[in-house]
Amino acid sequence: MGTSSHRRRASVRTKAVGAVVAAAVVGGAAFALTGTAQAASVGAAYTRTSSWTGGYTGQYVVTNETSAAQTDWTLEFDLPAGTTLGSLWNAEHTVSGRHVTVKPADWNKRLAPGGSVTVGFTTSSAGQAGDPAGCLINKAACSAGGPA
């Protein structure tokens, strides 16, 4: 008695389609994980803490929103026309025109998971001093906030 095998042979086309689907699933998962890691990294939120005629004190709270320590960050923002930066503390900064770039000081470069650092600053203006705009933290948009 002969036994017959009901085994189906996969065609080359079926194997190719399977390989493409598998690559898309693996690639899509890798893309999704990368997007999530970038979206939840370091955040920054602005508040105006006090004001007076011709100036104010403001701050950005930079927060590590990941489960791993961050070793460096860069905060950028633009001051409105006519508003100048008086002083800034808890970080190093450079000013080019109205654009301010802030990097951590040597003592606060390592930002623990869930940890934060507050970068404070004063401004001055001949008229009403405006709040900063165009905030970026590590090249991603951050919360601009508004007057407190």
C-alpha atoms as a PDB file:
ATOM      1  CA  MET A   1       0.000   0.000   0.000  1.00  0.00           C
ATOM      2  CA  GLY A   2       1.338   3.274  -0.946  1.00  0.00           C
ATOM      3  CA  THR A   3       0.913   6.364   1.126  1.00  0.00           C
ATOM      4  CA  SER A   4       0.359   9.564  -0.584  1.00  0.00           C
ATOM      5  CA  SER A   5       1.661  12.760   0.821  1.00  0.00           C
ATOM      6  CA  HIS A   6      -0.563  15.795   0.575  1.00  0.00           C
ATOM      7  CA  ARG A   7       2.263  18.183   1.018  1.00  0.00           C
ATOM      8  CA  ARG A   8       2.035  21.406  -0.859  1.00  0.00           C
ATOM      9  CA  ARG A   9       5.132  22.955  -2.286  1.00  0.00           C
ATOM     10  CA  ALA A  10       5.541  26.665  -1.755  1.00  0.00           C
ATOM     11  CA  SER A  11       6.115  28.461  -4.978  1.00  0.00           C
ATOM     12  CA  VAL A  12       8.925  30.948  -5.437  1.00  0.00           C
ATOM     13  CA  ARG A  13       6.296  33.680  -5.615  1.00  0.00           C
ATOM     14  CA  THR A  14       4.758  32.655  -2.276  1.00  0.00           C
ATOM     15  CA  LYS A  15       8.191  32.626  -0.627  1.00  0.00           C
ATOM     16  CA  ALA A  16       8.992  36.079  -2.022  1.00  0.00           C
ATOM     17  CA  VAL A  17       5.695  37.535  -0.784  1.00  0.00           C
ATOM     18  CA  GLY A  18       6.298  35.987   2.641  1.00  0.00           C
ATOM     19  CA  ALA A  19       9.778  37.491   2.820  1.00  0.00           C
ATOM     20  CA  VAL A  20       8.479  40.950   1.904  1.00  0.00           C
ATOM     21  CA  VAL A  21       5.706  40.754   4.529  1.00  0.00           C
ATOM     22  CA  ALA A  22       8.162  39.576   7.200  1.00  0.00           C
ATOM     23  CA  ALA A  23      10.588  42.379   6.352  1.00  0.00           C
ATOM     24  CA  ALA A  24       7.786  44.946   6.507  1.00  0.00           C
ATOM     25  CA  VAL A  25       6.627  43.697   9.911  1.00  0.00           C
ATOM     26  CA  VAL A  26      10.149  43.701  11.377  1.00  0.00           C
ATOM     27  CA  GLY A  27      11.010  47.037   9.745  1.00  0.00           C
ATOM     28  CA  GLY A  28       7.734  48.581  10.894  1.00  0.00           C
ATOM     29  CA  ALA A  29       8.345  47.466  14.464  1.00  0.00           C
ATOM     30  CA  ALA A  30      11.843  48.946  14.394  1.00  0.00           C
ATOM     31  CA  PHE A  31      10.475  52.203  12.968  1.00  0.00           C
ATOM     32  CA  ALA A  32       7.747  52.362  15.614  1.00  0.00           C
ATOM     33  CA  LEU A  33      10.265  51.826  18.419  1.00  0.00           C
ATOM     34  CA  THR A  34      12.580  54.494  17.017  1.00  0.00           C
ATOM     35  CA  GLY A  35       9.713  56.992  16.719  1.00  0.00           C
ATOM     36  CA  THR A  36       8.648  56.332  20.289  1.00  0.00           C
ATOM     37  CA  ALA A  37      12.172  56.800  21.611  1.00  0.00           C
ATOM     38  CA  GLN A  38      12.527  60.136  19.838  1.00  0.00           C
ATOM     39  CA  ALA A  39       9.099  61.379  20.883  1.00  0.00           C
ATOM     40  CA  ALA A  40       9.657  60.652  24.570  1.00  0.00           C
ATOM     41  CA  SER A  41      13.170  61.880  25.288  1.00  0.00           C
ATOM     42  CA  VAL A  42      13.840  65.293  26.790  1.00  0.00           C
ATOM     43  CA  GLY A  43      11.097  67.891  27.126  1.00  0.00           C
ATOM     44  CA  ALA A  44      11.089  71.567  28.052  1.00  0.00           C
ATOM     45  CA  ALA A  45       8.322  73.826  29.324  1.00  0.00           C
ATOM     46  CA  TYR A  46       8.463  77.618  29.673  1.00  0.00           C
ATOM     47  CA  THR A  47       6.873  79.857  32.314  1.00  0.00           C
ATOM     48  CA  ARG A  48       7.223  83.546  33.115  1.00  0.00           C
ATOM     49  CA  THR A  49       7.926  83.704  36.839  1.00  0.00           C
ATOM     50  CA  SER A  50       7.806  87.482  37.434  1.00  0.00           C
ATOM     51  CA  SER A  51       7.585  90.684  35.427  1.00  0.00           C
ATOM     52  CA  TRP A  52       8.091  94.425  35.725  1.00  0.00           C
ATOM     53  CA  THR A  53       8.010  97.398  33.367  1.00  0.00           C
ATOM     54  CA  GLY A  54      10.611  96.637  30.712  1.00  0.00           C
ATOM     55  CA  GLY A  55      11.488  93.049  31.644  1.00  0.00           C
ATOM     56  CA  TYR A  56      10.703  89.748  33.275  1.00  0.00           C
ATOM     57  CA  THR A  57      12.178  86.591  34.746  1.00  0.00           C
ATOM     58  CA  GLY A  58      11.393  83.370  32.913  1.00  0.00           C
ATOM     59  CA  GLN A  59      12.397  79.760  33.125  1.00  0.00           C
ATOM     60  CA  TYR A  60      12.467  76.563  31.131  1.00  0.00           C
ATOM     61  CA  VAL A  61      12.186  73.293  33.032  1.00  0.00           C
ATOM     62  CA  VAL A  62      14.104  70.662  31.052  1.00  0.00           C
ATOM     63  CA  THR A  63      12.901  67.145  31.940  1.00  0.00           C
ATOM     64  CA  ASN A  64      14.239  63.703  31.031  1.00  0.00           C
ATOM     65  CA  GLU A  65      11.111  61.778  30.008  1.00  0.00           C
ATOM     66  CA  THR A  66      12.925  58.472  29.400  1.00  0.00           C
ATOM     67  CA  SER A  67      13.904  55.549  31.614  1.00  0.00           C
ATOM     68  CA  ALA A  68      17.606  56.108  30.858  1.00  0.00           C
ATOM     69  CA  ALA A  69      19.946  58.899  31.888  1.00  0.00           C
ATOM     70  CA  GLN A  70      20.533  61.561  29.227  1.00  0.00           C
ATOM     71  CA  THR A  71      24.094  62.821  28.984  1.00  0.00           C
ATOM     72  CA  ASP A  72      23.512  66.048  27.111  1.00  0.00           C
ATOM     73  CA  TRP A  73      20.740  68.318  25.840  1.00  0.00           C
ATOM     74  CA  THR A  74      20.353  71.532  23.853  1.00  0.00           C
ATOM     75  CA  LEU A  75      17.588  74.087  24.358  1.00  0.00           C
ATOM     76  CA  GLU A  76      16.979  76.822  21.782  1.00  0.00           C
ATOM     77  CA  PHE A  77      14.535  79.722  21.681  1.00  0.00           C
ATOM     78  CA  ASP A  78      14.079  83.118  20.063  1.00  0.00           C
ATOM     79  CA  LEU A  79      13.440  86.368  21.905  1.00  0.00           C
ATOM     80  CA  PRO A  80      11.012  88.841  20.317  1.00  0.00           C
ATOM     81  CA  ALA A  81      12.369  91.923  18.568  1.00  0.00           C
ATOM     82  CA  GLY A  82      13.379  94.533  21.138  1.00  0.00           C
ATOM     83  CA  THR A  83      13.787  92.014  23.987  1.00  0.00           C
ATOM     84  CA  THR A  84      17.310  91.159  25.141  1.00  0.00           C
ATOM     85  CA  LEU A  85      18.679  88.510  27.474  1.00  0.00           C
ATOM     86  CA  GLY A  86      20.041  89.979  30.712  1.00  0.00           C
ATOM     87  CA  SER A  87      21.378  86.895  32.485  1.00  0.00           C
ATOM     88  CA  LEU A  88      20.856  83.126  32.471  1.00  0.00           C
ATOM     89  CA  TRP A  89      21.665  80.575  35.164  1.00  0.00           C
ATOM     90  CA  ASN A  90      21.989  76.784  35.634  1.00  0.00           C
ATOM     91  CA  ALA A  91      23.378  76.365  32.101  1.00  0.00           C
ATOM     92  CA  GLU A  92      25.796  77.733  29.516  1.00  0.00           C
ATOM     93  CA  HIS A  93      24.408  79.881  26.698  1.00  0.00           C
ATOM     94  CA  THR A  94      25.233  81.735  23.521  1.00  0.00           C
ATOM     95  CA  VAL A  95      23.211  84.474  21.837  1.00  0.00           C
ATOM     96  CA  SER A  96      23.206  85.149  18.105  1.00  0.00           C
ATOM     97  CA  GLY A  97      20.908  88.057  17.317  1.00  0.00           C
ATOM     98  CA  ARG A  98      17.631  87.096  19.002  1.00  0.00           C
ATOM     99  CA  HIS A  99      18.405  83.339  18.985  1.00  0.00           C
ATOM    100  CA  VAL A 100      19.496  81.817  22.314  1.00  0.00           C
ATOM    101  CA  THR A 101      21.188  78.389  22.499  1.00  0.00           C
ATOM    102  CA  VAL A 102      21.441  76.765  25.928  1.00  0.00           C
ATOM    103  CA  LYS A 103      23.544  73.739  26.891  1.00  0.00           C
ATOM    104  CA  PRO A 104      23.935  72.167  30.329  1.00  0.00           C
ATOM    105  CA  ALA A 105      26.689  73.279  32.660  1.00  0.00           C
ATOM    106  CA  ASP A 106      29.387  70.720  33.477  1.00  0.00           C
ATOM    107  CA  TRP A 107      27.694  69.874  36.774  1.00  0.00           C
ATOM    108  CA  ASN A 108      24.242  69.093  35.282  1.00  0.00           C
ATOM    109  CA  LYS A 109      25.047  67.348  31.975  1.00  0.00           C
ATOM    110  CA  ARG A 110      23.764  64.014  33.294  1.00  0.00           C
ATOM    111  CA  LEU A 111      19.995  64.164  33.576  1.00  0.00           C
ATOM    112  CA  ALA A 112      18.647  61.165  35.513  1.00  0.00           C
ATOM    113  CA  PRO A 113      15.483  59.375  34.331  1.00  0.00           C
ATOM    114  CA  GLY A 114      12.524  61.550  35.323  1.00  0.00           C
ATOM    115  CA  GLY A 115      14.943  64.234  36.506  1.00  0.00           C
ATOM    116  CA  SER A 116      14.818  67.893  35.581  1.00  0.00           C
ATOM    117  CA  VAL A 117      16.868  71.066  35.636  1.00  0.00           C
ATOM    118  CA  THR A 118      15.469  74.591  35.734  1.00  0.00           C
ATOM    119  CA  VAL A 119      17.149  77.143  33.476  1.00  0.00           C
ATOM    120  CA  GLY A 120      16.244  80.652  34.595  1.00  0.00           C
ATOM    121  CA  PHE A 121      16.848  83.958  32.850  1.00  0.00           C
ATOM    122  CA  THR A 122      16.055  87.669  32.909  1.00  0.00           C
ATOM    123  CA  THR A 123      15.162  89.891  29.981  1.00  0.00           C
ATOM    124  CA  SER A 124      14.899  93.592  29.331  1.00  0.00           C
ATOM    125  CA  SER A 125      13.074  95.685  26.765  1.00  0.00           C
ATOM    126  CA  ALA A 126      12.476  99.359  26.018  1.00  0.00           C
ATOM    127  CA  GLY A 127       8.742  98.592  25.922  1.00  0.00           C
ATOM    128  CA  GLN A 128       6.726  95.546  26.870  1.00  0.00           C
ATOM    129  CA  ALA A 129       9.094  92.549  26.965  1.00  0.00           C
ATOM    130  CA  GLY A 130       7.660  89.618  25.006  1.00  0.00           C
ATOM    131  CA  ASP A 131       7.900  85.924  25.787  1.00  0.00           C
ATOM    132  CA  PRO A 132      10.266  83.671  23.833  1.00  0.00           C
ATOM    133  CA  ALA A 133       9.064  81.679  20.821  1.00  0.00           C
ATOM    134  CA  GLY A 134      10.381  78.882  18.606  1.00  0.00           C
ATOM    135  CA  CYS A 135      11.443  76.665  21.490  1.00  0.00           C
ATOM    136  CA  LEU A 136      13.371  73.516  20.533  1.00  0.00           C
ATOM    137  CA  ILE A 137      14.802  70.874  22.825  1.00  0.00           C
ATOM    138  CA  ASN A 138      17.249  68.578  21.018  1.00  0.00           C
ATOM    139  CA  LYS A 139      15.807  69.909  17.718  1.00  0.00           C
ATOM    140  CA  ALA A 140      12.212  68.880  18.634  1.00  0.00           C
ATOM    141  CA  ALA A 141       9.441  71.373  19.439  1.00  0.00           C
ATOM    142  CA  CYS A 142       8.810  71.986  23.123  1.00  0.00           C
ATOM    143  CA  SER A 143       6.017  73.658  25.070  1.00  0.00           C
ATOM    144  CA  ALA A 144       6.327  77.435  24.742  1.00  0.00           C
ATOM    145  CA  GLY A 145       3.949  78.154  27.618  1.00  0.00           C
ATOM    146  CA  GLY A 146       3.048  81.745  28.296  1.00  0.00           C
ATOM    147  CA  PRO A 147       2.893  84.348  31.027  1.00  0.00           C
ATOM    148  CA  ALA A 148       2.429  82.840  34.461  1.00  0.00           C
END
